[in-house]
Amino acid sequence: MTDMTKPAMIEMKSVHKAFGANQVLRGVDLSIARGSSMVIIGGSGTGKSVMLKSVLGLITQDSGQILVDGKDAGKGHSSRDRDAFLARFGMLFQGAALFDSLPVWQNVAFRLLRGSLKRPKEEAREIAIEKLRRVGLKADVADRLPAELSGGMQKRVGLARAIAAEPEIIFFDEPTTGLDPIMSGVINDLIREIVVEMGATAMTITHDMSSVRAIADNVAMLHGGKIRWTGPVGDMDASGDPYVEQFISGSAEGPIEAVR
């Protein structure tokens, strides 16, 4: 279990964000300790993705503060500072989000072939093949196109891309969506192993409770634009929180109204 005395890598303090009349985040307070794995749960449309994009600076909050490693995530960045900031992050997108026209190795090495992280092409290819091996794919996959791969293999390529630049922070957006239960288990185990190996700070958003139990050190429940409960994953089943209890049981009865 994560040592909660570790300093925070990501802090959100009273973060609000609205899109027109739609108040998505209504005072989010959350702290993610360095080297820990936090999983955000909550229904569709509750603002999980908005939280993630706000930390990355892709969305600017209306009020409140977001700190990454003690520094304001959204202010005073030159383009060079912005590149350095984003270089600290890796991201596994929902559906893998690979570039169809690029061979697998160039997908994995995408950030290593351009910008502040640029490496010589042969070195970038070697790193890509090493990361593909780490996620259980053989070197001969490197020159295939994404369309030639199964969904599970594409997800592994996405994971290899997320770790290619040795990021300090990795975001996982619905990492098992579209996968069968066996492949979901494989991806969950890989994510857990890699995060621990790298000592990375991880933030995952998911509906999949098997992912929560496999990946999380700590869990936060987002509903109505606020964090309703947060704590160690081992305390989740006995949280006593009606939102958490309804969500993990999948019950129609409770404070979360089903969208019809």
C-alpha atoms as a PDB file:
ATOM      1  CA  MET A   1       0.000   0.000   0.000  1.00  0.00           C
ATOM      2  CA  THR A   2       1.161   3.488  -0.814  1.00  0.00           C
ATOM      3  CA  ASP A   3       2.764   5.503   1.956  1.00  0.00           C
ATOM      4  CA  MET A   4       0.399   8.437   2.312  1.00  0.00           C
ATOM      5  CA  THR A   5       3.162  10.448   3.992  1.00  0.00           C
ATOM      6  CA  LYS A   6       4.856  10.843   0.597  1.00  0.00           C
ATOM      7  CA  PRO A   7       4.660  14.348  -0.897  1.00  0.00           C
ATOM      8  CA  ALA A   8       1.880  14.996  -3.384  1.00  0.00           C
ATOM      9  CA  MET A   9       2.737  14.820  -7.085  1.00  0.00           C
ATOM     10  CA  ILE A  10      -0.697  16.104  -8.145  1.00  0.00           C
ATOM     11  CA  GLU A  11      -2.945  18.364  -6.075  1.00  0.00           C
ATOM     12  CA  MET A  12      -6.328  19.778  -7.022  1.00  0.00           C
ATOM     13  CA  LYS A  13      -7.644  22.464  -4.680  1.00  0.00           C
ATOM     14  CA  SER A  14     -11.275  23.595  -4.976  1.00  0.00           C
ATOM     15  CA  VAL A  15     -11.219  23.223  -8.766  1.00  0.00           C
ATOM     16  CA  HIS A  16     -14.292  24.456 -10.624  1.00  0.00           C
ATOM     17  CA  LYS A  17     -15.024  24.144 -14.335  1.00  0.00           C
ATOM     18  CA  ALA A  18     -18.181  24.942 -16.273  1.00  0.00           C
ATOM     19  CA  PHE A  19     -19.047  24.754 -19.953  1.00  0.00           C
ATOM     20  CA  GLY A  20     -21.751  27.345 -20.398  1.00  0.00           C
ATOM     21  CA  ALA A  21     -24.489  26.516 -17.913  1.00  0.00           C
ATOM     22  CA  ASN A  22     -23.124  23.022 -17.332  1.00  0.00           C
ATOM     23  CA  GLN A  23     -21.187  22.981 -14.048  1.00  0.00           C
ATOM     24  CA  VAL A  24     -18.910  19.957 -14.473  1.00  0.00           C
ATOM     25  CA  LEU A  25     -16.420  20.360 -11.614  1.00  0.00           C
ATOM     26  CA  ARG A  26     -17.813  21.988  -8.475  1.00  0.00           C
ATOM     27  CA  GLY A  27     -14.899  22.258  -6.102  1.00  0.00           C
ATOM     28  CA  VAL A  28     -12.747  19.171  -6.636  1.00  0.00           C
ATOM     29  CA  ASP A  29     -10.172  18.512  -3.899  1.00  0.00           C
ATOM     30  CA  LEU A  30      -7.784  15.653  -4.536  1.00  0.00           C
ATOM     31  CA  SER A  31      -4.193  14.770  -3.651  1.00  0.00           C
ATOM     32  CA  ILE A  32      -2.202  12.035  -5.403  1.00  0.00           C
ATOM     33  CA  ALA A  33       1.007  11.021  -3.635  1.00  0.00           C
ATOM     34  CA  ARG A  34       4.233  10.677  -5.600  1.00  0.00           C
ATOM     35  CA  GLY A  35       4.702   7.110  -6.825  1.00  0.00           C
ATOM     36  CA  SER A  36       1.133   6.080  -6.018  1.00  0.00           C
ATOM     37  CA  SER A  37      -1.675   4.822  -8.240  1.00  0.00           C
ATOM     38  CA  MET A  38      -4.964   6.732  -7.940  1.00  0.00           C
ATOM     39  CA  VAL A  39      -8.090   5.490  -9.713  1.00  0.00           C
ATOM     40  CA  ILE A  40     -11.015   7.866 -10.257  1.00  0.00           C
ATOM     41  CA  ILE A  41     -14.413   6.178 -10.453  1.00  0.00           C
ATOM     42  CA  GLY A  42     -17.782   7.669 -11.307  1.00  0.00           C
ATOM     43  CA  GLY A  43     -20.524   7.485 -13.895  1.00  0.00           C
ATOM     44  CA  SER A  44     -20.384   8.721 -17.466  1.00  0.00           C
ATOM     45  CA  GLY A  45     -20.447  12.490 -17.781  1.00  0.00           C
ATOM     46  CA  THR A  46     -19.372  13.150 -14.197  1.00  0.00           C
ATOM     47  CA  GLY A  47     -16.214  15.037 -15.182  1.00  0.00           C
ATOM     48  CA  LYS A  48     -13.475  12.397 -14.876  1.00  0.00           C
ATOM     49  CA  SER A  49     -11.988  13.263 -18.273  1.00  0.00           C
ATOM     50  CA  VAL A  50     -12.280  16.995 -17.535  1.00  0.00           C
ATOM     51  CA  MET A  51     -10.224  16.429 -14.372  1.00  0.00           C
ATOM     52  CA  LEU A  52      -7.538  14.635 -16.333  1.00  0.00           C
ATOM     53  CA  LYS A  53      -7.416  17.261 -19.100  1.00  0.00           C
ATOM     54  CA  SER A  54      -7.263  20.032 -16.498  1.00  0.00           C
ATOM     55  CA  VAL A  55      -4.152  18.524 -14.899  1.00  0.00           C
ATOM     56  CA  LEU A  56      -2.526  18.378 -18.344  1.00  0.00           C
ATOM     57  CA  GLY A  57      -3.459  22.001 -18.988  1.00  0.00           C
ATOM     58  CA  LEU A  58      -5.581  21.068 -22.012  1.00  0.00           C
ATOM     59  CA  ILE A  59      -8.530  22.653 -20.198  1.00  0.00           C
ATOM     60  CA  THR A  60      -8.162  25.717 -17.968  1.00  0.00           C
ATOM     61  CA  GLN A  61     -10.183  25.585 -14.768  1.00  0.00           C
ATOM     62  CA  ASP A  62     -12.460  28.530 -13.927  1.00  0.00           C
ATOM     63  CA  SER A  63     -11.193  28.722 -10.355  1.00  0.00           C
ATOM     64  CA  GLY A  64      -9.143  26.765  -7.856  1.00  0.00           C
ATOM     65  CA  GLN A  65      -5.582  25.549  -8.179  1.00  0.00           C
ATOM     66  CA  ILE A  66      -3.876  22.550  -9.764  1.00  0.00           C
ATOM     67  CA  LEU A  67      -0.319  21.784  -8.684  1.00  0.00           C
ATOM     68  CA  VAL A  68       2.029  19.252 -10.301  1.00  0.00           C
ATOM     69  CA  ASP A  69       5.090  18.549  -8.189  1.00  0.00           C
ATOM     70  CA  GLY A  70       4.332  21.712  -6.213  1.00  0.00           C
ATOM     71  CA  LYS A  71       4.118  24.011  -9.236  1.00  0.00           C
ATOM     72  CA  ASP A  72       1.058  25.567 -10.827  1.00  0.00           C
ATOM     73  CA  ALA A  73       0.108  23.391 -13.795  1.00  0.00           C
ATOM     74  CA  GLY A  74      -1.584  26.057 -15.834  1.00  0.00           C
ATOM     75  CA  LYS A  75       0.217  29.382 -15.518  1.00  0.00           C
ATOM     76  CA  GLY A  76       3.265  31.157 -16.848  1.00  0.00           C
ATOM     77  CA  HIS A  77       4.545  28.491 -19.220  1.00  0.00           C
ATOM     78  CA  SER A  78       6.531  29.484 -22.291  1.00  0.00           C
ATOM     79  CA  SER A  79       6.285  27.045 -25.199  1.00  0.00           C
ATOM     80  CA  ARG A  80       9.608  25.503 -24.105  1.00  0.00           C
ATOM     81  CA  ASP A  81       8.414  25.200 -20.503  1.00  0.00           C
ATOM     82  CA  ARG A  82       5.172  23.707 -21.776  1.00  0.00           C
ATOM     83  CA  ASP A  83       7.076  21.049 -23.758  1.00  0.00           C
ATOM     84  CA  ALA A  84       9.150  20.206 -20.678  1.00  0.00           C
ATOM     85  CA  PHE A  85       5.984  20.017 -18.562  1.00  0.00           C
ATOM     86  CA  LEU A  86       4.206  17.658 -20.966  1.00  0.00           C
ATOM     87  CA  ALA A  87       7.363  15.532 -21.321  1.00  0.00           C
ATOM     88  CA  ARG A  88       6.815  14.423 -17.715  1.00  0.00           C
ATOM     89  CA  PHE A  89       3.547  12.708 -18.696  1.00  0.00           C
ATOM     90  CA  GLY A  90       2.655   9.506 -20.491  1.00  0.00           C
ATOM     91  CA  MET A  91      -0.885   8.715 -21.608  1.00  0.00           C
ATOM     92  CA  LEU A  92      -2.768   5.569 -22.543  1.00  0.00           C
ATOM     93  CA  PHE A  93      -5.819   6.765 -24.432  1.00  0.00           C
ATOM     94  CA  GLN A  94      -9.192   5.065 -24.536  1.00  0.00           C
ATOM     95  CA  GLY A  95      -9.202   2.807 -27.610  1.00  0.00           C
ATOM     96  CA  ALA A  96      -5.368   3.100 -27.872  1.00  0.00           C
ATOM     97  CA  ALA A  97      -5.710   6.028 -30.371  1.00  0.00           C
ATOM     98  CA  LEU A  98      -2.892   4.873 -32.625  1.00  0.00           C
ATOM     99  CA  PHE A  99      -1.918   6.610 -35.870  1.00  0.00           C
ATOM    100  CA  ASP A 100      -3.233   4.342 -38.635  1.00  0.00           C
ATOM    101  CA  SER A 101      -0.673   5.420 -41.240  1.00  0.00           C
ATOM    102  CA  LEU A 102       2.411   4.868 -39.054  1.00  0.00           C
ATOM    103  CA  PRO A 103       4.023   1.496 -38.372  1.00  0.00           C
ATOM    104  CA  VAL A 104       3.826   0.273 -34.792  1.00  0.00           C
ATOM    105  CA  TRP A 105       7.369   1.273 -33.837  1.00  0.00           C
ATOM    106  CA  GLN A 106       6.814   4.866 -34.988  1.00  0.00           C
ATOM    107  CA  ASN A 107       3.606   4.979 -32.935  1.00  0.00           C
ATOM    108  CA  VAL A 108       5.526   3.835 -29.865  1.00  0.00           C
ATOM    109  CA  ALA A 109       8.440   6.209 -30.536  1.00  0.00           C
ATOM    110  CA  PHE A 110       6.236   9.131 -31.602  1.00  0.00           C
ATOM    111  CA  ARG A 111       7.521  11.530 -28.935  1.00  0.00           C
ATOM    112  CA  LEU A 112      11.093  10.326 -29.376  1.00  0.00           C
ATOM    113  CA  LEU A 113      11.104  11.323 -33.050  1.00  0.00           C
ATOM    114  CA  ARG A 114      10.234  14.997 -32.514  1.00  0.00           C
ATOM    115  CA  GLY A 115      10.310  17.912 -30.093  1.00  0.00           C
ATOM    116  CA  SER A 116      12.374  18.238 -26.930  1.00  0.00           C
ATOM    117  CA  LEU A 117      12.650  14.446 -26.492  1.00  0.00           C
ATOM    118  CA  LYS A 118      13.975  13.814 -30.009  1.00  0.00           C
ATOM    119  CA  ARG A 119      16.419  10.933 -30.438  1.00  0.00           C
ATOM    120  CA  PRO A 120      18.239   9.598 -33.521  1.00  0.00           C
ATOM    121  CA  LYS A 121      15.886   7.422 -35.568  1.00  0.00           C
ATOM    122  CA  GLU A 122      17.723   4.146 -34.950  1.00  0.00           C
ATOM    123  CA  GLU A 123      17.891   4.793 -31.211  1.00  0.00           C
ATOM    124  CA  ALA A 124      14.198   5.637 -31.137  1.00  0.00           C
ATOM    125  CA  ARG A 125      13.424   2.382 -32.961  1.00  0.00           C
ATOM    126  CA  GLU A 126      15.512   0.365 -30.500  1.00  0.00           C
ATOM    127  CA  ILE A 127      13.695   1.959 -27.553  1.00  0.00           C
ATOM    128  CA  ALA A 128      10.343   1.238 -29.216  1.00  0.00           C
ATOM    129  CA  ILE A 129      11.201  -2.444 -29.699  1.00  0.00           C
ATOM    130  CA  GLU A 130      12.386  -2.683 -26.079  1.00  0.00           C
ATOM    131  CA  LYS A 131       9.080  -1.202 -24.851  1.00  0.00           C
ATOM    132  CA  LEU A 132       7.091  -3.512 -27.139  1.00  0.00           C
ATOM    133  CA  ARG A 133       8.901  -6.471 -25.575  1.00  0.00           C
ATOM    134  CA  ARG A 134       8.083  -5.093 -22.119  1.00  0.00           C
ATOM    135  CA  VAL A 135       4.369  -5.278 -22.898  1.00  0.00           C
ATOM    136  CA  GLY A 136       4.682  -8.784 -24.327  1.00  0.00           C
ATOM    137  CA  LEU A 137       4.937  -8.079 -28.066  1.00  0.00           C
ATOM    138  CA  LYS A 138       7.668  -9.507 -30.279  1.00  0.00           C
ATOM    139  CA  ALA A 139      10.015  -7.379 -32.362  1.00  0.00           C
ATOM    140  CA  ASP A 140       8.338  -8.464 -35.611  1.00  0.00           C
ATOM    141  CA  VAL A 141       5.260  -6.432 -34.608  1.00  0.00           C
ATOM    142  CA  ALA A 142       7.304  -3.230 -34.962  1.00  0.00           C
ATOM    143  CA  ASP A 143       6.881  -2.871 -38.716  1.00  0.00           C
ATOM    144  CA  ARG A 144       3.208  -3.792 -38.900  1.00  0.00           C
ATOM    145  CA  LEU A 145       0.426  -1.228 -39.192  1.00  0.00           C
ATOM    146  CA  PRO A 146      -2.080  -0.898 -36.312  1.00  0.00           C
ATOM    147  CA  ALA A 147      -4.907  -2.253 -38.503  1.00  0.00           C
ATOM    148  CA  GLU A 148      -3.062  -5.581 -38.676  1.00  0.00           C
ATOM    149  CA  LEU A 149      -3.255  -6.015 -34.894  1.00  0.00           C
ATOM    150  CA  SER A 150      -6.015  -7.264 -32.601  1.00  0.00           C
ATOM    151  CA  GLY A 151      -7.647  -4.911 -30.122  1.00  0.00           C
ATOM    152  CA  GLY A 152      -5.607  -6.344 -27.269  1.00  0.00           C
ATOM    153  CA  MET A 153      -2.367  -5.934 -29.203  1.00  0.00           C
ATOM    154  CA  GLN A 154      -3.276  -2.340 -30.092  1.00  0.00           C
ATOM    155  CA  LYS A 155      -3.858  -1.618 -26.417  1.00  0.00           C
ATOM    156  CA  ARG A 156      -0.405  -3.039 -25.608  1.00  0.00           C
ATOM    157  CA  VAL A 157       1.127  -0.803 -28.288  1.00  0.00           C
ATOM    158  CA  GLY A 158      -0.652   2.150 -26.670  1.00  0.00           C
ATOM    159  CA  LEU A 159       0.826   1.161 -23.313  1.00  0.00           C
ATOM    160  CA  ALA A 160       4.305   0.852 -24.849  1.00  0.00           C
ATOM    161  CA  ARG A 161       3.900   4.365 -26.279  1.00  0.00           C
ATOM    162  CA  ALA A 162       2.792   5.700 -22.886  1.00  0.00           C
ATOM    163  CA  ILE A 163       6.023   4.494 -21.225  1.00  0.00           C
ATOM    164  CA  ALA A 164       8.461   5.042 -24.128  1.00  0.00           C
ATOM    165  CA  ALA A 165       9.828   8.341 -22.783  1.00  0.00           C
ATOM    166  CA  GLU A 166      10.089   7.078 -19.166  1.00  0.00           C
ATOM    167  CA  PRO A 167       7.473   9.520 -17.819  1.00  0.00           C
ATOM    168  CA  GLU A 168       7.119  10.414 -14.145  1.00  0.00           C
ATOM    169  CA  ILE A 169       3.317  10.548 -14.387  1.00  0.00           C
ATOM    170  CA  ILE A 170       1.092   8.234 -16.443  1.00  0.00           C
ATOM    171  CA  PHE A 171      -2.604   8.736 -17.167  1.00  0.00           C
ATOM    172  CA  PHE A 172      -4.801   5.793 -18.139  1.00  0.00           C
ATOM    173  CA  ASP A 173      -8.153   6.635 -19.759  1.00  0.00           C
ATOM    174  CA  GLU A 174     -10.512   3.634 -19.539  1.00  0.00           C
ATOM    175  CA  PRO A 175      -7.608   1.212 -20.172  1.00  0.00           C
ATOM    176  CA  THR A 176      -9.730  -1.923 -20.645  1.00  0.00           C
ATOM    177  CA  THR A 177     -12.618  -0.552 -22.723  1.00  0.00           C
ATOM    178  CA  GLY A 178     -13.530  -2.911 -25.563  1.00  0.00           C
ATOM    179  CA  LEU A 179     -11.415  -5.809 -24.305  1.00  0.00           C
ATOM    180  CA  ASP A 180     -12.636  -9.239 -23.238  1.00  0.00           C
ATOM    181  CA  PRO A 181     -12.249 -10.171 -19.540  1.00  0.00           C
ATOM    182  CA  ILE A 182      -9.055 -12.204 -20.090  1.00  0.00           C
ATOM    183  CA  MET A 183      -7.283  -9.483 -22.073  1.00  0.00           C
ATOM    184  CA  SER A 184      -8.540  -6.887 -19.574  1.00  0.00           C
ATOM    185  CA  GLY A 185      -6.827  -8.873 -16.836  1.00  0.00           C
ATOM    186  CA  VAL A 186      -3.590  -9.012 -18.850  1.00  0.00           C
ATOM    187  CA  ILE A 187      -3.623  -5.233 -19.426  1.00  0.00           C
ATOM    188  CA  ASN A 188      -4.432  -4.535 -15.767  1.00  0.00           C
ATOM    189  CA  ASP A 189      -1.530  -6.713 -14.622  1.00  0.00           C
ATOM    190  CA  LEU A 190       0.846  -5.045 -17.096  1.00  0.00           C
ATOM    191  CA  ILE A 191      -0.179  -1.576 -15.963  1.00  0.00           C
ATOM    192  CA  ARG A 192       0.345  -2.474 -12.320  1.00  0.00           C
ATOM    193  CA  GLU A 193       3.756  -4.062 -12.941  1.00  0.00           C
ATOM    194  CA  ILE A 194       5.002  -1.183 -15.091  1.00  0.00           C
ATOM    195  CA  VAL A 195       3.847   1.573 -12.740  1.00  0.00           C
ATOM    196  CA  VAL A 196       5.567  -0.150  -9.808  1.00  0.00           C
ATOM    197  CA  GLU A 197       8.759  -0.812 -11.816  1.00  0.00           C
ATOM    198  CA  MET A 198       8.993   2.787 -12.998  1.00  0.00           C
ATOM    199  CA  GLY A 199       8.041   4.314  -9.661  1.00  0.00           C
ATOM    200  CA  ALA A 200       5.612   6.458 -11.630  1.00  0.00           C
ATOM    201  CA  THR A 201       2.620   8.354 -10.319  1.00  0.00           C
ATOM    202  CA  ALA A 202      -0.517   7.000 -12.008  1.00  0.00           C
ATOM    203  CA  MET A 203      -3.982   8.483 -12.462  1.00  0.00           C
ATOM    204  CA  THR A 204      -6.605   6.214 -14.017  1.00  0.00           C
ATOM    205  CA  ILE A 205     -10.230   6.841 -14.905  1.00  0.00           C
ATOM    206  CA  THR A 206     -12.370   3.744 -15.351  1.00  0.00           C
ATOM    207  CA  HIS A 207     -15.805   2.150 -14.980  1.00  0.00           C
ATOM    208  CA  ASP A 208     -14.254  -1.320 -14.694  1.00  0.00           C
ATOM    209  CA  MET A 209     -14.168  -2.447 -11.075  1.00  0.00           C
ATOM    210  CA  SER A 210     -11.724  -5.271 -11.880  1.00  0.00           C
ATOM    211  CA  SER A 211      -9.314  -2.561 -13.117  1.00  0.00           C
ATOM    212  CA  VAL A 212      -9.847  -0.592  -9.918  1.00  0.00           C
ATOM    213  CA  ARG A 213      -8.930  -3.554  -7.734  1.00  0.00           C
ATOM    214  CA  ALA A 214      -5.936  -4.514  -9.879  1.00  0.00           C
ATOM    215  CA  ILE A 215      -4.421  -1.064 -10.456  1.00  0.00           C
ATOM    216  CA  ALA A 216      -5.307   1.162  -7.502  1.00  0.00           C
ATOM    217  CA  ASP A 217      -3.457   2.038  -4.353  1.00  0.00           C
ATOM    218  CA  ASN A 218      -6.127   4.632  -3.662  1.00  0.00           C
ATOM    219  CA  VAL A 219      -9.592   5.341  -5.060  1.00  0.00           C
ATOM    220  CA  ALA A 220     -11.600   8.553  -5.430  1.00  0.00           C
ATOM    221  CA  MET A 221     -15.329   8.679  -6.174  1.00  0.00           C
ATOM    222  CA  LEU A 222     -16.420  11.631  -8.338  1.00  0.00           C
ATOM    223  CA  HIS A 223     -20.093  12.519  -8.495  1.00  0.00           C
ATOM    224  CA  GLY A 224     -21.917  15.787  -8.977  1.00  0.00           C
ATOM    225  CA  GLY A 225     -18.654  17.581  -9.671  1.00  0.00           C
ATOM    226  CA  LYS A 226     -17.139  16.735  -6.273  1.00  0.00           C
ATOM    227  CA  ILE A 227     -15.003  13.996  -4.751  1.00  0.00           C
ATOM    228  CA  ARG A 228     -17.489  12.152  -2.529  1.00  0.00           C
ATOM    229  CA  TRP A 229     -15.003   9.697  -0.997  1.00  0.00           C
ATOM    230  CA  THR A 230     -11.327   8.907  -1.280  1.00  0.00           C
ATOM    231  CA  GLY A 231      -9.216   6.302   0.478  1.00  0.00           C
ATOM    232  CA  PRO A 232      -7.129   3.138   0.109  1.00  0.00           C
ATOM    233  CA  VAL A 233      -8.567   0.549  -2.282  1.00  0.00           C
ATOM    234  CA  GLY A 234      -8.665  -1.947   0.603  1.00  0.00           C
ATOM    235  CA  ASP A 235     -11.156   0.299   2.407  1.00  0.00           C
ATOM    236  CA  MET A 236     -13.446   0.736  -0.608  1.00  0.00           C
ATOM    237  CA  ASP A 237     -15.842  -2.139   0.100  1.00  0.00           C
ATOM    238  CA  ALA A 238     -16.407  -0.916   3.670  1.00  0.00           C
ATOM    239  CA  SER A 239     -16.361   2.796   2.817  1.00  0.00           C
ATOM    240  CA  GLY A 240     -19.818   3.436   4.267  1.00  0.00           C
ATOM    241  CA  ASP A 241     -20.319   5.976   1.485  1.00  0.00           C
ATOM    242  CA  PRO A 242     -23.635   5.529  -0.364  1.00  0.00           C
ATOM    243  CA  TYR A 243     -22.216   6.742  -3.690  1.00  0.00           C
ATOM    244  CA  VAL A 244     -19.317   4.282  -3.570  1.00  0.00           C
ATOM    245  CA  GLU A 245     -21.513   1.413  -2.388  1.00  0.00           C
ATOM    246  CA  GLN A 246     -24.026   1.960  -5.190  1.00  0.00           C
ATOM    247  CA  PHE A 247     -21.342   2.323  -7.860  1.00  0.00           C
ATOM    248  CA  ILE A 248     -19.348  -0.802  -6.977  1.00  0.00           C
ATOM    249  CA  SER A 249     -22.487  -2.918  -6.541  1.00  0.00           C
ATOM    250  CA  GLY A 250     -24.131  -1.635  -9.727  1.00  0.00           C
ATOM    251  CA  SER A 251     -27.401  -1.163  -7.875  1.00  0.00           C
ATOM    252  CA  ALA A 252     -30.234   0.886  -9.376  1.00  0.00           C
ATOM    253  CA  GLU A 253     -31.113   2.031  -5.849  1.00  0.00           C
ATOM    254  CA  GLY A 254     -29.134   4.840  -4.259  1.00  0.00           C
ATOM    255  CA  PRO A 255     -28.168   8.504  -4.577  1.00  0.00           C
ATOM    256  CA  ILE A 256     -26.820   8.113  -8.155  1.00  0.00           C
ATOM    257  CA  GLU A 257     -29.691   8.499 -10.588  1.00  0.00           C
ATOM    258  CA  ALA A 258     -29.567   6.364 -13.724  1.00  0.00           C
ATOM    259  CA  VAL A 259     -29.575   8.441 -16.909  1.00  0.00           C
ATOM    260  CA  ARG A 260     -32.458   7.234 -19.075  1.00  0.00           C
END
